[in-house]
N, C-alpha and C. Protein backbone atom coordinates (compact mmCIF):
# COMPACT_ATOMS: atom_id res chain seq x y z
N LYS A 1 2.86 6.49 18.15
CA LYS A 1 3.82 5.76 18.48
C LYS A 1 4.86 6.31 17.29
N HIS A 2 4.40 5.92 16.23
CA HIS A 2 5.20 6.39 14.87
C HIS A 2 5.01 7.50 14.15
N GLY A 3 3.97 8.33 14.60
CA GLY A 3 3.74 9.84 14.40
C GLY A 3 2.68 9.51 13.08
N VAL A 4 2.13 8.33 12.73
CA VAL A 4 1.36 8.34 11.71
C VAL A 4 0.02 8.97 11.80
N ILE A 5 -0.69 9.60 11.04
CA ILE A 5 -1.81 10.47 11.01
C ILE A 5 -2.57 10.00 9.95
N THR A 6 -3.74 9.40 10.35
CA THR A 6 -4.61 9.03 9.55
C THR A 6 -5.64 10.04 9.02
N ARG A 7 -6.04 10.03 7.63
CA ARG A 7 -7.10 10.99 7.11
C ARG A 7 -7.82 10.36 5.96
N ARG A 8 -9.12 10.74 6.27
CA ARG A 8 -9.85 10.38 5.25
C ARG A 8 -9.93 11.36 3.82
N TRP A 9 -9.90 10.73 2.69
CA TRP A 9 -10.16 11.62 1.46
C TRP A 9 -11.57 12.28 1.53
N THR A 10 -11.60 13.60 0.83
CA THR A 10 -13.03 14.24 1.14
C THR A 10 -13.77 13.71 -0.09
N ASP A 11 -15.13 13.71 -0.08
CA ASP A 11 -15.96 13.05 -1.33
C ASP A 11 -15.44 14.12 -2.71
N ASP A 12 -14.87 15.21 -2.43
CA ASP A 12 -14.52 16.02 -3.67
C ASP A 12 -13.35 15.39 -4.38
N GLN A 13 -12.27 15.16 -3.27
CA GLN A 13 -11.14 14.59 -3.59
C GLN A 13 -11.36 13.08 -4.51
N ILE A 14 -12.13 12.33 -4.06
CA ILE A 14 -12.36 11.21 -4.35
C ILE A 14 -13.33 11.13 -5.65
N ALA A 15 -14.00 12.29 -5.89
CA ALA A 15 -14.72 12.57 -7.39
C ALA A 15 -13.61 12.94 -8.14
N VAL A 16 -12.45 13.53 -7.70
CA VAL A 16 -11.47 13.90 -8.66
C VAL A 16 -10.70 13.01 -9.22
N PHE A 17 -10.35 12.04 -8.38
CA PHE A 17 -9.52 10.62 -8.87
C PHE A 17 -10.38 9.87 -9.55
N GLU A 18 -11.75 9.74 -9.23
CA GLU A 18 -12.62 8.92 -10.20
C GLU A 18 -12.56 9.28 -11.64
N ARG A 19 -12.87 10.44 -11.79
CA ARG A 19 -12.92 11.23 -13.14
C ARG A 19 -11.62 10.83 -13.66
N ALA A 20 -10.36 11.14 -13.10
CA ALA A 20 -9.36 11.01 -13.94
C ALA A 20 -9.00 9.18 -13.95
N TRP A 21 -9.15 8.63 -13.04
CA TRP A 21 -9.24 7.11 -13.39
C TRP A 21 -10.19 6.53 -14.53
N ASN A 22 -11.51 7.34 -14.38
CA ASN A 22 -12.12 6.97 -15.67
C ASN A 22 -11.97 7.49 -17.12
N GLU A 23 -10.99 8.59 -17.10
CA GLU A 23 -10.48 9.14 -18.36
C GLU A 23 -9.40 8.10 -18.91
N VAL A 24 -8.54 7.42 -17.69
CA VAL A 24 -7.49 6.66 -17.97
C VAL A 24 -8.06 5.11 -18.74
N VAL A 25 -9.23 4.76 -18.06
CA VAL A 25 -9.89 3.50 -18.42
C VAL A 25 -10.41 3.65 -19.89
N ALA A 26 -11.06 4.69 -20.02
CA ALA A 26 -11.54 4.81 -21.42
C ALA A 26 -10.50 4.53 -22.39
N GLU A 27 -9.35 5.74 -22.07
CA GLU A 27 -8.24 5.53 -22.90
C GLU A 27 -7.82 4.20 -23.59
N ASP A 28 -7.30 3.86 -22.25
CA ASP A 28 -6.93 2.34 -22.30
C ASP A 28 -7.51 1.09 -22.80
N SER A 29 -8.84 1.32 -22.68
CA SER A 29 -9.73 0.38 -23.18
C SER A 29 -9.77 0.48 -24.77
N ALA A 30 -9.89 1.88 -25.14
CA ALA A 30 -9.86 2.16 -26.94
C ALA A 30 -8.71 1.52 -27.60
N ASN A 31 -7.62 1.51 -26.90
CA ASN A 31 -6.50 0.79 -27.31
C ASN A 31 -6.05 -0.63 -27.10
N ASP A 32 -6.79 -0.95 -26.03
CA ASP A 32 -6.30 -2.62 -25.89
C ASP A 32 -7.68 -3.40 -25.48
N PRO A 33 -8.07 -4.20 -26.58
CA PRO A 33 -9.24 -5.09 -26.49
C PRO A 33 -9.21 -6.05 -24.92
N LEU A 34 -7.79 -6.45 -24.32
CA LEU A 34 -7.85 -7.34 -23.56
C LEU A 34 -8.09 -6.51 -22.16
N PHE A 35 -7.49 -5.09 -22.08
CA PHE A 35 -7.74 -4.24 -20.98
C PHE A 35 -9.09 -3.97 -20.84
N ALA A 36 -9.99 -3.82 -22.05
CA ALA A 36 -11.33 -3.62 -22.08
C ALA A 36 -11.82 -4.61 -21.56
N GLU A 37 -11.62 -5.69 -21.90
CA GLU A 37 -12.51 -7.04 -21.35
C GLU A 37 -12.26 -7.07 -19.88
N ILE A 38 -11.29 -7.12 -19.43
CA ILE A 38 -10.90 -7.17 -17.91
C ILE A 38 -11.62 -5.95 -17.11
N THR A 39 -11.57 -4.72 -17.54
CA THR A 39 -12.14 -3.59 -16.84
C THR A 39 -13.53 -4.00 -16.91
N ALA A 40 -14.28 -4.45 -18.01
CA ALA A 40 -15.56 -4.58 -18.01
C ALA A 40 -16.13 -5.98 -16.89
N SER A 41 -15.00 -6.89 -16.80
CA SER A 41 -15.60 -7.98 -15.98
C SER A 41 -15.51 -7.27 -14.56
N TYR A 42 -14.26 -6.45 -14.06
CA TYR A 42 -14.13 -5.88 -13.16
C TYR A 42 -15.52 -4.97 -12.50
N ASN A 43 -15.77 -4.47 -13.50
CA ASN A 43 -16.71 -3.53 -13.30
C ASN A 43 -18.20 -4.31 -12.91
N THR A 44 -18.52 -5.19 -13.21
CA THR A 44 -19.74 -6.08 -13.24
C THR A 44 -19.49 -6.84 -11.96
N TRP A 45 -18.33 -7.24 -11.47
CA TRP A 45 -18.02 -7.59 -10.15
C TRP A 45 -18.32 -6.59 -9.42
N ARG A 46 -17.71 -5.40 -9.54
CA ARG A 46 -17.73 -4.00 -8.45
C ARG A 46 -19.14 -3.92 -8.27
N LYS A 47 -19.98 -3.84 -9.42
CA LYS A 47 -21.52 -3.35 -9.01
C LYS A 47 -22.10 -4.27 -8.20
N ALA A 48 -21.74 -5.59 -8.26
CA ALA A 48 -22.95 -6.76 -7.58
C ALA A 48 -22.26 -6.80 -6.22
N TYR A 49 -20.84 -6.43 -5.95
CA TYR A 49 -20.45 -6.40 -4.68
C TYR A 49 -20.64 -5.18 -3.79
N SER A 50 -21.06 -4.22 -4.54
CA SER A 50 -21.37 -2.95 -4.07
C SER A 50 -22.25 -2.67 -3.01
N LYS A 51 -23.28 -3.74 -2.93
CA LYS A 51 -24.07 -3.64 -1.78
C LYS A 51 -23.57 -4.26 -0.64
N TRP A 52 -22.34 -4.99 -0.54
CA TRP A 52 -22.03 -5.46 0.79
C TRP A 52 -20.93 -4.39 1.15
N GLY A 53 -20.47 -3.81 0.33
CA GLY A 53 -19.49 -2.40 0.62
C GLY A 53 -20.07 -1.72 1.53
N ALA A 54 -21.38 -1.05 1.07
CA ALA A 54 -22.44 -0.21 1.63
C ALA A 54 -22.92 -0.68 3.07
N ALA A 55 -23.09 -2.15 3.23
CA ALA A 55 -23.54 -2.54 4.53
C ALA A 55 -22.55 -2.80 5.38
N GLN A 56 -21.08 -2.74 5.27
CA GLN A 56 -19.95 -3.25 6.09
C GLN A 56 -19.93 -2.34 7.48
N ALA A 57 -20.79 -1.20 7.58
CA ALA A 57 -20.73 -0.14 8.43
C ALA A 57 -21.77 0.18 9.14
N LEU A 58 -22.03 0.26 10.41
CA LEU A 58 -23.22 0.61 11.05
C LEU A 58 -23.87 2.02 10.55
N LYS A 59 -24.85 2.20 10.17
CA LYS A 59 -25.35 3.56 9.89
C LYS A 59 -25.95 4.22 11.20
N PRO A 60 -25.94 5.57 11.48
CA PRO A 60 -26.56 5.99 12.59
C PRO A 60 -27.78 5.80 13.08
N THR A 61 -28.86 5.39 11.94
CA THR A 61 -30.31 5.26 12.05
C THR A 61 -30.25 3.65 12.90
N TYR A 62 -29.15 3.01 12.80
CA TYR A 62 -29.34 1.41 13.30
C TYR A 62 -29.21 1.81 15.00
N LEU A 63 -28.50 3.05 15.31
CA LEU A 63 -28.39 2.92 16.84
C LEU A 63 -29.45 3.72 17.53
N ASP A 64 -30.56 4.00 16.91
CA ASP A 64 -31.88 4.57 17.47
C ASP A 64 -32.53 3.28 18.24
């Protein structure tokens, strides 16, 4: 209706974004103790939560 086209980033594109983000995080963490503390807290939460993200969609093997 509005001409919107949704596209998924490729795994290679996501890997490039993640590498760039990790560089920014490392630099900012080195220069800002509060940023480093918040980032560490977020990464701890992200690691614990990742199992739920992986389980949110049906895998093809579930359909057998």
